[in-house]
Amino acid sequence: MSLPPPEYLHAYCGNVLVAFASAMIGIETFFVALRVVSSYVSRRPVGADDWLTIPGFAVNIALCAVSICLVLYGGIGYHLITVVLEHPEKLPIFIKFEVAFSVVYIHSVTYPKLAMLSLFLRIFIGKWQRVFCYALMVVLVLSCIAGTLTQVFQCIPLHRFWDINDHGHSCFDQLAAWRWGSLSHIVTDLIMIALPIPTILKLGLSWKDKIGVSLTLLMGGIGIITSILRFIAFWNWKSIGADGDGTWVAVELTAYSIAEAGVYLIASCLPSYRALYITVRGPKKERSYGSEETSTGNSWRAKTYVNADDSEIALNHLPIQTETSSHTHMSRPHSSRNETKIESEVHV
């Protein structure tokens, strides 16, 4: 068998992954630190979403660190045949780090999603929405556990995954597991995007204001973009064996995985910055929605405030339009609909 040309054997792209992972460490640290500053400056109560950000940040940093180790010690960035010919001792290290990377990746995409759902639970009072949030959280936790066990027991015993001297065939199709695991992330993203929509549509606000609230609550769904890109990348990878050129292709696949997890983490932090913006900018001209009868019985006072200039909305006590009830006859001027309010302690 003839060898590939020298330019193929000496091709290298591992430095790209090292640079990308290092950059993601800095970017993620900045966004998480800004979330902490936002909570401190705005005196926003610390919730479950804030606590879940801590392990989410830790596993994302670990994910970047493992990817750098893959380059430094596992030989990725070179073509597989180059590693086999020149550094065969790196192949078992590469596979071991891949197992570790897969386990850490599963947790790195789970914690930010749980944080976003915890935020939804601080806002939503509708029974069906809360049930969906809790159900989706259970699905995410079970999926995380199942994915972790899948990676740990993908070969029995696990060392058969990297031990070239053990010719046992007790391993399942790892590539299929990675492919369909990515698909599950897309499905959960779609559900998370859909969850706030009914509440937003019922808000007694202008369409301009509804768009502002939508952008705030739907930030957690932007991770679906990187999920789709990662799914396509894994689908286009034809083989995990020798003909799949794993150490070369791993650079792209690892970068997509880091990007997906990082985007989830950043997206879970974005809604918290609104409180910082409101606090730093200070109050502006307000117009009122909702109603609260004063002691005179003739005037109306707002419980919810929406900025007339930039559609800034405090997400506690948001007015929701409901159908007229036979037991309720209060309404705001020029409106035939009653309003209820989301009772929440969160200012997003």
Protein backbone atom coordinates (compact mmCIF):
# COMPACT_ATOMS: atom_id res chain seq x y z
CA MET A 1 0.00 0.00 0.00
CA SER A 2 1.43 3.35 -1.06
CA LEU A 3 1.62 6.16 1.43
CA PRO A 4 -0.16 9.51 0.92
CA PRO A 5 1.95 12.46 -0.26
CA PRO A 6 4.08 14.28 2.36
CA GLU A 7 1.83 17.36 2.40
CA TYR A 8 -1.07 15.12 3.47
CA LEU A 9 0.96 13.37 6.17
CA HIS A 10 2.20 16.63 7.64
CA ALA A 11 -1.10 18.54 7.44
CA TYR A 12 -2.14 19.92 10.82
CA CYS A 13 -5.14 21.87 12.11
CA GLY A 14 -5.04 21.23 15.87
CA ASN A 15 -3.96 24.81 16.57
CA VAL A 16 -7.36 25.99 15.36
CA LEU A 17 -9.12 23.95 18.05
CA VAL A 18 -6.74 25.13 20.77
CA ALA A 19 -7.35 28.76 19.81
CA PHE A 20 -11.13 28.26 19.65
CA ALA A 21 -11.32 26.44 23.00
CA SER A 22 -9.17 29.09 24.66
CA ALA A 23 -11.37 31.84 23.26
CA MET A 24 -14.52 30.09 24.49
CA ILE A 25 -13.07 29.89 28.01
CA GLY A 26 -12.63 33.66 28.01
CA ILE A 27 -16.04 34.36 26.45
CA GLU A 28 -17.93 32.06 28.81
CA THR A 29 -16.12 33.50 31.83
CA PHE A 30 -17.09 37.01 30.76
CA PHE A 31 -20.78 36.22 30.33
CA VAL A 32 -21.06 34.31 33.60
CA ALA A 33 -19.20 37.07 35.46
CA LEU A 34 -21.57 39.63 33.94
CA ARG A 35 -24.50 37.55 35.20
CA VAL A 36 -23.05 37.68 38.73
CA VAL A 37 -22.57 41.45 38.46
CA SER A 38 -26.15 41.83 37.20
CA SER A 39 -27.54 39.90 40.17
CA TYR A 40 -25.47 41.92 42.62
CA VAL A 41 -26.15 45.38 41.17
CA SER A 42 -29.87 44.84 40.62
CA ARG A 43 -30.31 43.05 43.98
CA ARG A 44 -32.24 40.37 42.17
CA PRO A 45 -33.07 37.37 44.38
CA VAL A 46 -30.83 34.37 43.71
CA GLY A 47 -32.82 31.50 42.25
CA ALA A 48 -32.32 27.94 41.08
CA ASP A 49 -31.32 29.20 37.63
CA ASP A 50 -28.39 31.08 39.19
CA TRP A 51 -27.22 28.05 41.16
CA LEU A 52 -27.44 25.80 38.08
CA THR A 53 -25.22 28.21 36.20
CA ILE A 54 -22.32 27.33 38.52
CA PRO A 55 -21.98 23.63 37.53
CA GLY A 56 -22.90 24.61 33.97
CA PHE A 57 -19.94 26.98 33.83
CA ALA A 58 -17.62 24.42 35.47
CA VAL A 59 -18.38 21.63 33.01
CA ASN A 60 -18.11 24.01 30.04
CA ILE A 61 -14.64 25.05 31.14
CA ALA A 62 -13.79 21.37 31.63
CA LEU A 63 -15.04 20.65 28.11
CA CYS A 64 -12.67 23.23 26.65
CA ALA A 65 -9.81 21.90 28.78
CA VAL A 66 -10.35 18.31 27.60
CA SER A 67 -10.43 19.46 23.98
CA ILE A 68 -7.04 21.15 24.42
CA CYS A 69 -5.69 17.93 25.97
CA LEU A 70 -6.97 16.04 22.92
CA VAL A 71 -4.74 18.19 20.75
CA LEU A 72 -1.70 18.18 23.01
CA TYR A 73 -1.74 14.51 24.01
CA GLY A 74 -4.24 12.73 21.75
CA GLY A 75 -2.88 13.64 18.35
CA ILE A 76 -6.03 15.24 16.93
CA GLY A 77 -5.34 17.76 14.23
CA TYR A 78 -3.25 15.25 12.27
CA HIS A 79 -4.60 12.71 9.83
CA LEU A 80 -5.17 9.31 11.41
CA ILE A 81 -2.56 7.59 9.25
CA THR A 82 0.05 10.09 10.45
CA VAL A 83 -0.73 9.30 14.08
CA VAL A 84 -0.61 5.55 13.38
CA LEU A 85 2.74 5.78 11.62
CA GLU A 86 4.52 8.37 13.76
CA HIS A 87 2.76 8.44 17.15
CA PRO A 88 0.83 5.19 17.64
CA GLU A 89 1.04 5.59 21.42
CA LYS A 90 -1.33 8.56 21.14
CA LEU A 91 -4.26 6.54 19.80
CA PRO A 92 -5.32 5.03 23.15
CA ILE A 93 -4.92 8.48 24.75
CA PHE A 94 -7.06 9.99 22.01
CA ILE A 95 -9.87 7.48 22.58
CA LYS A 96 -9.74 7.85 26.38
CA PHE A 97 -10.01 11.62 26.11
CA GLU A 98 -12.87 11.21 23.63
CA VAL A 99 -14.81 9.19 26.19
CA ALA A 100 -14.15 11.84 28.84
CA PHE A 101 -15.10 14.60 26.41
CA SER A 102 -18.40 12.91 25.54
CA VAL A 103 -19.38 12.54 29.20
CA VAL A 104 -18.51 16.16 30.03
CA TYR A 105 -20.31 17.38 26.90
CA ILE A 106 -23.57 15.71 27.96
CA HIS A 107 -23.51 17.58 31.28
CA SER A 108 -22.39 20.86 29.69
CA VAL A 109 -25.55 21.09 27.56
CA THR A 110 -27.87 19.86 30.33
CA TYR A 111 -27.16 22.36 33.12
CA PRO A 112 -27.78 25.53 31.04
CA LYS A 113 -31.09 24.12 29.80
CA LEU A 114 -32.13 23.31 33.37
CA ALA A 115 -31.19 26.87 34.33
CA MET A 116 -33.39 28.31 31.59
CA LEU A 117 -36.33 26.12 32.58
CA SER A 118 -35.86 27.18 36.22
CA LEU A 119 -36.15 30.78 35.03
CA PHE A 120 -39.41 29.91 33.27
CA LEU A 121 -40.73 28.44 36.52
CA ARG A 122 -40.07 31.77 38.26
CA ILE A 123 -42.22 33.52 35.66
CA PHE A 124 -45.02 31.19 34.65
CA ILE A 125 -48.02 30.59 36.88
CA GLY A 126 -50.06 28.66 34.31
CA LYS A 127 -50.50 25.07 35.45
CA TRP A 128 -49.91 23.43 32.09
CA GLN A 129 -46.74 25.47 31.48
CA ARG A 130 -45.30 24.58 34.86
CA VAL A 131 -46.13 20.93 34.29
CA PHE A 132 -44.35 21.05 30.91
CA CYS A 133 -41.33 22.73 32.50
CA TYR A 134 -41.04 20.11 35.21
CA ALA A 135 -41.61 17.29 32.72
CA LEU A 136 -38.94 18.63 30.40
CA MET A 137 -36.52 18.98 33.31
CA VAL A 138 -37.10 15.34 34.20
CA VAL A 139 -36.50 14.34 30.57
CA LEU A 140 -33.24 16.33 30.49
CA VAL A 141 -31.98 14.76 33.73
CA LEU A 142 -32.87 11.23 32.60
CA SER A 143 -31.32 11.89 29.20
CA CYS A 144 -28.13 13.11 30.91
CA ILE A 145 -27.95 9.99 33.05
CA ALA A 146 -28.66 7.70 30.09
CA GLY A 147 -26.09 9.47 27.93
CA THR A 148 -23.44 9.21 30.63
CA LEU A 149 -24.08 5.50 31.14
CA THR A 150 -24.04 4.98 27.37
CA GLN A 151 -20.57 6.48 27.10
CA VAL A 152 -19.21 4.66 30.14
CA PHE A 153 -20.55 1.27 29.01
CA GLN A 154 -20.20 1.67 25.25
CA CYS A 155 -17.74 -1.22 25.39
CA ILE A 156 -17.77 -4.04 27.92
CA PRO A 157 -15.20 -3.87 29.34
CA LEU A 158 -14.56 -0.23 28.44
CA HIS A 159 -10.85 -0.72 27.70
CA ARG A 160 -11.82 -2.62 24.54
CA PHE A 161 -12.62 0.78 23.07
CA TRP A 162 -8.92 1.72 22.98
CA ASP A 163 -7.03 -1.55 23.52
CA ILE A 164 -5.88 -2.63 20.05
CA ASN A 165 -4.71 -5.97 21.43
CA ASP A 166 -8.20 -6.91 22.61
CA HIS A 167 -10.16 -8.14 19.61
CA GLY A 168 -13.48 -8.52 21.39
CA HIS A 169 -16.55 -7.12 19.68
CA SER A 170 -18.67 -5.95 22.61
CA CYS A 171 -19.00 -2.31 21.53
CA PHE A 172 -22.13 -0.76 20.08
CA ASP A 173 -22.30 1.81 17.28
CA GLN A 174 -20.81 4.91 18.91
CA LEU A 175 -21.33 7.09 15.84
CA ALA A 176 -25.07 6.36 15.83
CA ALA A 177 -25.26 7.25 19.53
CA TRP A 178 -23.56 10.60 18.89
CA ARG A 179 -25.80 11.36 15.91
CA TRP A 180 -29.13 10.64 17.59
CA GLY A 181 -28.00 12.22 20.83
CA SER A 182 -27.63 15.49 18.92
CA LEU A 183 -31.15 15.11 17.53
CA SER A 184 -32.62 14.93 21.05
CA HIS A 185 -31.07 18.33 21.83
CA ILE A 186 -32.85 19.85 18.84
CA VAL A 187 -36.20 18.45 19.98
CA THR A 188 -35.84 19.81 23.52
CA ASP A 189 -34.79 23.19 22.11
CA LEU A 190 -37.95 23.38 20.02
CA ILE A 191 -40.09 22.65 23.07
CA MET A 192 -38.28 25.32 25.10
CA ILE A 193 -38.84 27.85 22.33
CA ALA A 194 -42.56 27.02 22.17
CA LEU A 195 -43.19 27.13 25.94
CA PRO A 196 -43.32 30.94 26.45
CA ILE A 197 -45.25 31.72 23.26
CA PRO A 198 -48.84 31.25 24.58
CA THR A 199 -48.11 33.49 27.59
CA ILE A 200 -46.49 36.16 25.42
CA LEU A 201 -49.46 36.19 23.03
CA LYS A 202 -51.85 36.76 25.93
CA LEU A 203 -49.93 39.73 27.29
CA GLY A 204 -51.96 42.94 27.25
CA LEU A 205 -49.15 44.75 25.46
CA SER A 206 -48.52 46.22 22.05
CA TRP A 207 -46.85 44.01 19.46
CA LYS A 208 -43.68 46.04 19.84
CA ASP A 209 -43.61 45.26 23.56
CA LYS A 210 -44.46 41.61 22.97
CA ILE A 211 -41.46 41.33 20.67
CA GLY A 212 -39.25 42.74 23.44
CA VAL A 213 -40.52 40.17 25.93
CA SER A 214 -40.19 37.41 23.33
CA LEU A 215 -36.56 38.24 22.66
CA THR A 216 -35.86 38.14 26.40
CA LEU A 217 -37.55 34.80 27.07
CA LEU A 218 -36.58 33.02 23.87
CA MET A 219 -32.84 33.62 24.19
CA GLY A 220 -32.48 30.11 25.58
CA GLY A 221 -33.55 28.70 22.24
CA ILE A 222 -30.68 30.11 20.20
CA GLY A 223 -28.65 27.01 21.03
CA ILE A 224 -30.75 25.16 18.48
CA ILE A 225 -28.63 26.71 15.72
CA THR A 226 -25.43 25.11 16.98
CA SER A 227 -27.32 21.88 17.74
CA ILE A 228 -28.38 21.62 14.11
CA LEU A 229 -24.86 22.36 12.85
CA ARG A 230 -23.41 19.71 15.15
CA PHE A 231 -26.03 17.17 14.07
CA ILE A 232 -25.19 17.80 10.40
CA ALA A 233 -21.46 17.48 11.09
CA PHE A 234 -21.91 14.11 12.82
CA TRP A 235 -24.29 12.91 10.12
CA ASN A 236 -21.72 13.69 7.42
CA TRP A 237 -19.05 11.71 9.27
CA LYS A 238 -19.30 8.35 7.52
CA SER A 239 -17.28 6.12 9.80
CA ILE A 240 -15.67 6.02 13.22
CA GLY A 241 -13.07 3.52 12.03
CA ALA A 242 -9.82 3.87 10.15
CA ASP A 243 -11.54 5.12 6.99
CA GLY A 244 -13.21 7.89 9.00
CA ASP A 245 -9.93 9.74 9.69
CA GLY A 246 -11.06 10.34 13.27
CA THR A 247 -8.14 12.39 14.55
CA TRP A 248 -8.55 14.88 11.71
CA VAL A 249 -12.36 15.09 11.69
CA ALA A 250 -12.40 15.36 15.50
CA VAL A 251 -11.21 18.96 15.27
CA GLU A 252 -14.42 20.08 13.55
CA LEU A 253 -16.71 17.86 15.62
CA THR A 254 -15.10 18.93 18.90
CA ALA A 255 -15.34 22.60 17.95
CA TYR A 256 -19.07 22.22 17.19
CA SER A 257 -19.60 20.51 20.54
CA ILE A 258 -17.80 23.28 22.42
CA ALA A 259 -19.75 25.92 20.52
CA GLU A 260 -23.09 24.24 21.19
CA ALA A 261 -22.47 23.91 24.93
CA GLY A 262 -21.05 27.43 25.15
CA VAL A 263 -24.00 28.97 23.35
CA TYR A 264 -26.40 27.21 25.72
CA LEU A 265 -24.50 28.63 28.70
CA ILE A 266 -24.40 32.15 27.26
CA ALA A 267 -28.08 31.98 26.26
CA SER A 268 -29.06 31.00 29.81
CA CYS A 269 -27.27 34.12 31.08
CA LEU A 270 -28.66 36.67 28.61
CA PRO A 271 -32.10 37.23 30.20
CA SER A 272 -30.46 38.21 33.51
CA TYR A 273 -28.72 41.19 31.90
CA ARG A 274 -32.02 43.02 31.49
CA ALA A 275 -32.13 43.71 35.22
CA LEU A 276 -28.61 45.17 35.05
CA TYR A 277 -29.60 47.36 32.12
CA ILE A 278 -32.70 48.62 33.93
CA THR A 279 -30.72 49.35 37.09
CA VAL A 280 -27.87 51.17 35.34
CA ARG A 281 -30.09 53.15 32.98
CA GLY A 282 -32.60 54.15 35.63
CA PRO A 283 -36.31 54.95 35.23
CA LYS A 284 -37.65 56.66 32.16
CA LYS A 285 -41.02 57.75 30.93
CA GLU A 286 -43.55 55.08 31.79
CA ARG A 287 -46.91 54.15 30.50
CA SER A 288 -49.20 51.86 32.40
CA TYR A 289 -50.88 48.60 31.71
CA GLY A 290 -53.12 46.69 34.03
CA SER A 291 -55.34 48.32 36.61
CA GLU A 292 -55.48 49.03 40.27
CA GLU A 293 -58.30 51.16 41.62
CA THR A 294 -57.12 53.95 43.93
CA SER A 295 -58.84 55.20 47.03
CA THR A 296 -60.92 57.63 44.96
CA GLY A 297 -62.46 54.79 43.04
CA ASN A 298 -62.24 56.75 39.78
CA SER A 299 -58.61 56.62 38.68
CA TRP A 300 -56.37 53.75 37.69
CA ARG A 301 -52.79 53.10 38.77
CA ALA A 302 -50.39 50.77 36.99
CA LYS A 303 -48.80 47.77 38.59
CA THR A 304 -46.88 46.93 35.43
CA TYR A 305 -44.70 49.44 33.67
CA VAL A 306 -43.60 49.42 30.07
CA ASN A 307 -41.18 51.96 28.75
CA ALA A 308 -42.64 53.96 25.93
CA ASP A 309 -39.29 54.56 24.27
CA ASP A 310 -37.62 51.17 24.07
CA SER A 311 -40.28 48.66 25.08
CA GLU A 312 -38.49 47.73 28.28
CA ILE A 313 -40.71 45.53 30.38
CA ALA A 314 -40.41 44.37 33.96
CA LEU A 315 -41.43 40.75 33.77
CA ASN A 316 -43.09 40.62 37.14
CA HIS A 317 -46.79 41.38 37.15
CA LEU A 318 -47.09 41.21 33.36
CA PRO A 319 -50.69 41.70 32.29
CA ILE A 320 -52.30 38.82 30.46
CA GLN A 321 -55.46 39.26 28.47
CA THR A 322 -58.20 36.84 29.40
CA GLU A 323 -61.76 36.36 28.39
CA THR A 324 -64.36 38.40 30.27
CA SER A 325 -65.58 36.58 33.33
CA SER A 326 -69.12 36.76 34.61
CA HIS A 327 -67.69 37.35 38.08
CA THR A 328 -65.31 40.17 37.12
CA HIS A 329 -66.32 43.52 35.63
CA MET A 330 -63.15 45.59 36.14
CA SER A 331 -61.42 46.68 32.95
CA ARG A 332 -59.00 49.32 31.95
CA PRO A 333 -60.32 52.29 29.92
CA HIS A 334 -60.94 51.64 26.22
CA SER A 335 -60.60 47.89 26.67
CA SER A 336 -63.25 45.20 26.79
CA ARG A 337 -60.90 42.56 28.14
CA ASN A 338 -59.91 41.86 31.71
CA GLU A 339 -56.33 41.24 32.74
CA THR A 340 -54.67 38.92 35.16
CA LYS A 341 -51.05 39.17 36.15
CA ILE A 342 -48.13 36.82 36.33
CA GLU A 343 -47.19 36.86 39.99
CA SER A 344 -43.45 36.39 40.04
CA GLU A 345 -40.55 37.68 42.06
CA VAL A 346 -38.17 37.69 39.14
CA HIS A 347 -36.99 40.78 37.25
CA VAL A 348 -35.38 39.56 34.09
